[in-house]
């Protein structure tokens, strides 16, 4: 899935605001230990997935462990290398780093996956899962529909606002992304 779409559909624990400052997204609060090796994040109690299920600590644990799984071959695997993730309580997760890593808070902007949907998919087949094309996230926008061309290539992808307590209602009813196989085709479509 396109990175821009991922940021619209999936929420991270943290997000960047308009001034590029880290703010809570799924996190209600977060803190860093004095030695800079433990990050503690408490989840919001009002965060839900697009299917209405609550976002839980289990979702965070699942996502990080999936990223760390070599069979997935995630591009984020290095960011979570030597990181141990654990549940501190019902709404709190802790990340223990082997060594201090100042930019680790920015890693916490990584989108979290719903474990209740993804846990049944073998890690070696994650990239082929239909949930990659028709995802259930917790972000401000949710999947609506997609269109493929005659060859099976993704042609358009539409998202609609996710109306919940965390997200202000956007001014748009939907956003459609169009995909083109090359620059020339994109220019032709623009003309």
C-alpha atoms as a PDB file:
ATOM      1  CA  UNK A   1       0.000   0.000   0.000  1.00  0.00           C
ATOM      2  CA  UNK A   2       1.179   3.521  -0.756  1.00  0.00           C
ATOM      3  CA  UNK A   3       2.839   5.279   2.208  1.00  0.00           C
ATOM      4  CA  UNK A   4       0.528   8.307   1.913  1.00  0.00           C
ATOM      5  CA  UNK A   5      -2.522   6.051   2.180  1.00  0.00           C
ATOM      6  CA  UNK A   6      -0.995   4.215   5.124  1.00  0.00           C
ATOM      7  CA  UNK A   7      -0.649   7.483   7.049  1.00  0.00           C
ATOM      8  CA  UNK A   8      -4.299   8.338   6.419  1.00  0.00           C
ATOM      9  CA  UNK A   9      -5.716   4.925   7.327  1.00  0.00           C
ATOM     10  CA  UNK A  10      -3.465   3.837  10.218  1.00  0.00           C
ATOM     11  CA  UNK A  11      -2.702   5.684  13.436  1.00  0.00           C
ATOM     12  CA  UNK A  12       0.595   5.439  15.245  1.00  0.00           C
ATOM     13  CA  UNK A  13       1.095   5.808  18.958  1.00  0.00           C
ATOM     14  CA  UNK A  14       2.448   9.282  18.188  1.00  0.00           C
ATOM     15  CA  UNK A  15       2.023  11.655  15.252  1.00  0.00           C
ATOM     16  CA  UNK A  16       3.593  14.877  14.045  1.00  0.00           C
ATOM     17  CA  UNK A  17       1.507  18.043  14.275  1.00  0.00           C
ATOM     18  CA  UNK A  18       1.627  21.011  11.869  1.00  0.00           C
ATOM     19  CA  UNK A  19       4.765  22.346  13.624  1.00  0.00           C
ATOM     20  CA  UNK A  20       6.443  18.906  13.309  1.00  0.00           C
ATOM     21  CA  UNK A  21       6.190  18.323  17.049  1.00  0.00           C
ATOM     22  CA  UNK A  22       5.331  14.864  18.309  1.00  0.00           C
ATOM     23  CA  UNK A  23       1.822  14.578  19.742  1.00  0.00           C
ATOM     24  CA  UNK A  24      -0.224  11.677  21.008  1.00  0.00           C
ATOM     25  CA  UNK A  25      -2.225   9.834  18.395  1.00  0.00           C
ATOM     26  CA  UNK A  26      -3.261   6.492  19.883  1.00  0.00           C
ATOM     27  CA  UNK A  27      -1.248   7.518  22.951  1.00  0.00           C
ATOM     28  CA  UNK A  28      -2.906   9.487  25.701  1.00  0.00           C
ATOM     29  CA  UNK A  29       0.436   9.971  27.449  1.00  0.00           C
ATOM     30  CA  UNK A  30       4.017   8.871  26.955  1.00  0.00           C
ATOM     31  CA  UNK A  31       7.271   9.272  28.819  1.00  0.00           C
ATOM     32  CA  UNK A  32      10.937   8.419  28.487  1.00  0.00           C
ATOM     33  CA  UNK A  33      13.031   7.141  31.369  1.00  0.00           C
ATOM     34  CA  UNK A  34      15.965   9.163  32.648  1.00  0.00           C
ATOM     35  CA  UNK A  35      18.448   6.746  31.059  1.00  0.00           C
ATOM     36  CA  UNK A  36      16.586   7.142  27.692  1.00  0.00           C
ATOM     37  CA  UNK A  37      16.163   3.361  27.389  1.00  0.00           C
ATOM     38  CA  UNK A  38      12.511   2.865  28.382  1.00  0.00           C
ATOM     39  CA  UNK A  39       9.536   4.442  26.622  1.00  0.00           C
ATOM     40  CA  UNK A  40       6.193   4.087  28.386  1.00  0.00           C
ATOM     41  CA  UNK A  41       3.011   4.734  26.420  1.00  0.00           C
ATOM     42  CA  UNK A  42      -0.545   4.776  27.772  1.00  0.00           C
ATOM     43  CA  UNK A  43      -3.239   4.274  25.136  1.00  0.00           C
ATOM     44  CA  UNK A  44      -6.298   6.465  24.808  1.00  0.00           C
ATOM     45  CA  UNK A  45      -9.448   4.761  26.028  1.00  0.00           C
ATOM     46  CA  UNK A  46     -11.528   6.091  23.114  1.00  0.00           C
ATOM     47  CA  UNK A  47      -9.444   4.726  20.222  1.00  0.00           C
ATOM     48  CA  UNK A  48     -11.294   2.307  17.954  1.00  0.00           C
ATOM     49  CA  UNK A  49     -10.668   0.483  14.704  1.00  0.00           C
ATOM     50  CA  UNK A  50     -12.766   1.275  11.668  1.00  0.00           C
ATOM     51  CA  UNK A  51     -14.769  -1.891  12.425  1.00  0.00           C
ATOM     52  CA  UNK A  52     -15.706  -0.557  15.881  1.00  0.00           C
ATOM     53  CA  UNK A  53     -13.402  -2.783  17.949  1.00  0.00           C
ATOM     54  CA  UNK A  54     -11.258  -1.000  20.580  1.00  0.00           C
ATOM     55  CA  UNK A  55      -7.535  -0.435  20.023  1.00  0.00           C
ATOM     56  CA  UNK A  56      -5.650  -2.400  22.691  1.00  0.00           C
ATOM     57  CA  UNK A  57      -2.168  -2.963  24.038  1.00  0.00           C
ATOM     58  CA  UNK A  58      -2.318  -6.373  22.326  1.00  0.00           C
ATOM     59  CA  UNK A  59      -2.528  -4.554  18.971  1.00  0.00           C
ATOM     60  CA  UNK A  60       0.689  -2.670  19.758  1.00  0.00           C
ATOM     61  CA  UNK A  61       2.496  -5.810  20.920  1.00  0.00           C
ATOM     62  CA  UNK A  62       1.325  -7.713  17.852  1.00  0.00           C
ATOM     63  CA  UNK A  63       2.405  -4.959  15.442  1.00  0.00           C
ATOM     64  CA  UNK A  64       5.903  -4.611  16.890  1.00  0.00           C
ATOM     65  CA  UNK A  65       6.455  -8.376  17.002  1.00  0.00           C
ATOM     66  CA  UNK A  66       5.233  -8.690  13.415  1.00  0.00           C
ATOM     67  CA  UNK A  67       7.673  -5.987  12.322  1.00  0.00           C
ATOM     68  CA  UNK A  68      10.462  -7.823  14.154  1.00  0.00           C
ATOM     69  CA  UNK A  69       9.603 -11.169  12.523  1.00  0.00           C
ATOM     70  CA  UNK A  70      12.251 -11.926   9.847  1.00  0.00           C
ATOM     71  CA  UNK A  71       9.654 -13.781   7.726  1.00  0.00           C
ATOM     72  CA  UNK A  72       7.776 -10.501   7.206  1.00  0.00           C
ATOM     73  CA  UNK A  73      10.893  -8.706   5.936  1.00  0.00           C
ATOM     74  CA  UNK A  74       9.528  -5.359   7.127  1.00  0.00           C
ATOM     75  CA  UNK A  75      11.427  -2.221   6.104  1.00  0.00           C
ATOM     76  CA  UNK A  76      10.888  -1.110   9.729  1.00  0.00           C
ATOM     77  CA  UNK A  77      12.641  -4.141  11.217  1.00  0.00           C
ATOM     78  CA  UNK A  78      15.885  -2.244  11.911  1.00  0.00           C
ATOM     79  CA  UNK A  79      13.977   0.479  13.771  1.00  0.00           C
ATOM     80  CA  UNK A  80      12.713  -2.114  16.264  1.00  0.00           C
ATOM     81  CA  UNK A  81      15.899  -4.176  16.430  1.00  0.00           C
ATOM     82  CA  UNK A  82      17.020  -4.765  20.040  1.00  0.00           C
ATOM     83  CA  UNK A  83      13.698  -3.399  21.336  1.00  0.00           C
ATOM     84  CA  UNK A  84      11.636  -5.424  23.781  1.00  0.00           C
ATOM     85  CA  UNK A  85       7.967  -4.534  23.971  1.00  0.00           C
ATOM     86  CA  UNK A  86       5.790  -5.536  26.918  1.00  0.00           C
ATOM     87  CA  UNK A  87       2.436  -4.826  28.528  1.00  0.00           C
ATOM     88  CA  UNK A  88       2.682  -2.822  31.773  1.00  0.00           C
ATOM     89  CA  UNK A  89      -1.076  -2.775  32.440  1.00  0.00           C
ATOM     90  CA  UNK A  90      -4.385  -2.868  30.576  1.00  0.00           C
ATOM     91  CA  UNK A  91      -3.691   0.385  28.688  1.00  0.00           C
ATOM     92  CA  UNK A  92       0.082   0.771  28.989  1.00  0.00           C
ATOM     93  CA  UNK A  93       2.887  -0.604  26.857  1.00  0.00           C
ATOM     94  CA  UNK A  94       6.644  -0.298  27.454  1.00  0.00           C
ATOM     95  CA  UNK A  95       9.466  -0.326  24.955  1.00  0.00           C
ATOM     96  CA  UNK A  96      12.854  -1.304  26.405  1.00  0.00           C
ATOM     97  CA  UNK A  97      15.841  -0.336  24.280  1.00  0.00           C
ATOM     98  CA  UNK A  98      19.228  -1.968  24.645  1.00  0.00           C
ATOM     99  CA  UNK A  99      20.928   1.411  24.207  1.00  0.00           C
ATOM    100  CA  UNK A 100      19.595   4.981  24.224  1.00  0.00           C
ATOM    101  CA  UNK A 101      18.370   6.048  20.783  1.00  0.00           C
ATOM    102  CA  UNK A 102      17.168   9.662  20.750  1.00  0.00           C
ATOM    103  CA  UNK A 103      15.032   9.386  17.576  1.00  0.00           C
ATOM    104  CA  UNK A 104      13.093   6.371  18.890  1.00  0.00           C
ATOM    105  CA  UNK A 105      10.029   8.518  19.640  1.00  0.00           C
ATOM    106  CA  UNK A 106       9.692   9.166  15.900  1.00  0.00           C
ATOM    107  CA  UNK A 107       9.573   5.381  15.349  1.00  0.00           C
ATOM    108  CA  UNK A 108       6.403   5.378  17.453  1.00  0.00           C
ATOM    109  CA  UNK A 109       4.585   7.116  14.580  1.00  0.00           C
ATOM    110  CA  UNK A 110       4.501   3.703  12.862  1.00  0.00           C
ATOM    111  CA  UNK A 111       0.937   2.611  12.115  1.00  0.00           C
ATOM    112  CA  UNK A 112      -0.526   0.008  14.445  1.00  0.00           C
ATOM    113  CA  UNK A 113      -2.366  -3.034  13.030  1.00  0.00           C
ATOM    114  CA  UNK A 114      -5.521  -4.623  14.461  1.00  0.00           C
ATOM    115  CA  UNK A 115      -4.396  -7.937  15.931  1.00  0.00           C
ATOM    116  CA  UNK A 116      -7.945  -9.328  15.882  1.00  0.00           C
ATOM    117  CA  UNK A 117      -7.740  -9.318  12.066  1.00  0.00           C
ATOM    118  CA  UNK A 118      -4.052  -9.861  11.312  1.00  0.00           C
ATOM    119  CA  UNK A 119      -3.185 -12.548  13.883  1.00  0.00           C
ATOM    120  CA  UNK A 120      -4.654 -15.337  11.722  1.00  0.00           C
ATOM    121  CA  UNK A 121      -2.448 -14.455   8.744  1.00  0.00           C
ATOM    122  CA  UNK A 122       0.873 -16.340   8.637  1.00  0.00           C
ATOM    123  CA  UNK A 123       3.784 -13.901   8.853  1.00  0.00           C
ATOM    124  CA  UNK A 124       5.306 -15.211   5.620  1.00  0.00           C
ATOM    125  CA  UNK A 125       2.184 -14.246   3.655  1.00  0.00           C
ATOM    126  CA  UNK A 126       1.492 -10.827   5.186  1.00  0.00           C
ATOM    127  CA  UNK A 127       2.407  -8.970   1.997  1.00  0.00           C
ATOM    128  CA  UNK A 128      -0.183 -10.965   0.025  1.00  0.00           C
ATOM    129  CA  UNK A 129      -3.055 -10.487   2.474  1.00  0.00           C
ATOM    130  CA  UNK A 130      -6.245  -8.843   1.214  1.00  0.00           C
ATOM    131  CA  UNK A 131      -6.083  -6.573   4.289  1.00  0.00           C
ATOM    132  CA  UNK A 132      -3.255  -4.762   2.519  1.00  0.00           C
ATOM    133  CA  UNK A 133      -5.665  -3.626  -0.204  1.00  0.00           C
ATOM    134  CA  UNK A 134      -8.776  -3.304   1.959  1.00  0.00           C
ATOM    135  CA  UNK A 135      -7.369  -2.320   5.331  1.00  0.00           C
ATOM    136  CA  UNK A 136      -9.068  -1.732   8.655  1.00  0.00           C
ATOM    137  CA  UNK A 137      -7.186   1.003  10.491  1.00  0.00           C
ATOM    138  CA  UNK A 138      -7.807   3.558  13.207  1.00  0.00           C
ATOM    139  CA  UNK A 139      -6.824   6.703  11.326  1.00  0.00           C
ATOM    140  CA  UNK A 140      -8.922   9.679  10.278  1.00  0.00           C
ATOM    141  CA  UNK A 141      -9.727   8.072   6.905  1.00  0.00           C
ATOM    142  CA  UNK A 142     -11.023   4.585   6.157  1.00  0.00           C
ATOM    143  CA  UNK A 143     -11.002   2.432   3.055  1.00  0.00           C
ATOM    144  CA  UNK A 144     -14.105   2.765   0.864  1.00  0.00           C
ATOM    145  CA  UNK A 145     -13.362   1.160  -2.508  1.00  0.00           C
ATOM    146  CA  UNK A 146     -10.719   0.390  -5.094  1.00  0.00           C
ATOM    147  CA  UNK A 147     -10.667  -0.180  -8.821  1.00  0.00           C
ATOM    148  CA  UNK A 148      -8.236  -2.245 -10.858  1.00  0.00           C
ATOM    149  CA  UNK A 149      -7.503  -2.059 -14.566  1.00  0.00           C
ATOM    150  CA  UNK A 150      -7.914  -5.040 -16.933  1.00  0.00           C
ATOM    151  CA  UNK A 151      -4.433  -6.303 -16.053  1.00  0.00           C
ATOM    152  CA  UNK A 152      -5.241  -6.310 -12.329  1.00  0.00           C
ATOM    153  CA  UNK A 153      -3.179  -3.225 -11.497  1.00  0.00           C
ATOM    154  CA  UNK A 154      -4.538  -0.826  -8.911  1.00  0.00           C
ATOM    155  CA  UNK A 155      -6.123   2.086 -10.771  1.00  0.00           C
ATOM    156  CA  UNK A 156      -7.947   4.100  -8.110  1.00  0.00           C
ATOM    157  CA  UNK A 157      -8.350   3.966  -4.354  1.00  0.00           C
ATOM    158  CA  UNK A 158     -10.975   5.885  -2.386  1.00  0.00           C
ATOM    159  CA  UNK A 159     -11.030   6.713   1.319  1.00  0.00           C
ATOM    160  CA  UNK A 160     -13.804   8.356   3.340  1.00  0.00           C
ATOM    161  CA  UNK A 161     -13.709  10.108   6.727  1.00  0.00           C
ATOM    162  CA  UNK A 162     -13.752   7.966   9.850  1.00  0.00           C
ATOM    163  CA  UNK A 163     -16.149   9.731  12.177  1.00  0.00           C
ATOM    164  CA  UNK A 164     -15.153   9.039  15.755  1.00  0.00           C
ATOM    165  CA  UNK A 165     -14.400  11.000  18.900  1.00  0.00           C
ATOM    166  CA  UNK A 166     -10.708  11.413  18.118  1.00  0.00           C
ATOM    167  CA  UNK A 167     -10.889  12.917  14.656  1.00  0.00           C
ATOM    168  CA  UNK A 168     -12.442  16.216  13.639  1.00  0.00           C
ATOM    169  CA  UNK A 169     -14.756  15.809  10.681  1.00  0.00           C
ATOM    170  CA  UNK A 170     -12.882  16.729   7.497  1.00  0.00           C
ATOM    171  CA  UNK A 171     -14.339  19.075   4.946  1.00  0.00           C
ATOM    172  CA  UNK A 172     -14.140  16.445   2.204  1.00  0.00           C
ATOM    173  CA  UNK A 173     -16.618  13.625   1.671  1.00  0.00           C
ATOM    174  CA  UNK A 174     -13.977  11.386   0.113  1.00  0.00           C
ATOM    175  CA  UNK A 175     -10.522  11.383  -1.438  1.00  0.00           C
ATOM    176  CA  UNK A 176      -9.689   9.336  -4.536  1.00  0.00           C
ATOM    177  CA  UNK A 177      -6.117   8.412  -5.359  1.00  0.00           C
ATOM    178  CA  UNK A 178      -5.312   7.525  -8.961  1.00  0.00           C
ATOM    179  CA  UNK A 179      -2.314   5.387  -9.850  1.00  0.00           C
ATOM    180  CA  UNK A 180      -0.429   5.468 -13.123  1.00  0.00           C
ATOM    181  CA  UNK A 181       2.167   3.033 -14.434  1.00  0.00           C
ATOM    182  CA  UNK A 182       4.577   5.773 -15.499  1.00  0.00           C
ATOM    183  CA  UNK A 183       5.127   9.522 -15.629  1.00  0.00           C
ATOM    184  CA  UNK A 184       3.983   9.865 -19.253  1.00  0.00           C
ATOM    185  CA  UNK A 185       0.627   8.226 -18.533  1.00  0.00           C
ATOM    186  CA  UNK A 186       0.147  10.486 -15.514  1.00  0.00           C
ATOM    187  CA  UNK A 187       0.837  13.601 -17.638  1.00  0.00           C
ATOM    188  CA  UNK A 188      -1.591  12.374 -20.311  1.00  0.00           C
ATOM    189  CA  UNK A 189      -4.290  11.923 -17.662  1.00  0.00           C
ATOM    190  CA  UNK A 190      -3.601  15.393 -16.280  1.00  0.00           C
ATOM    191  CA  UNK A 191      -3.933  16.935 -19.752  1.00  0.00           C
END
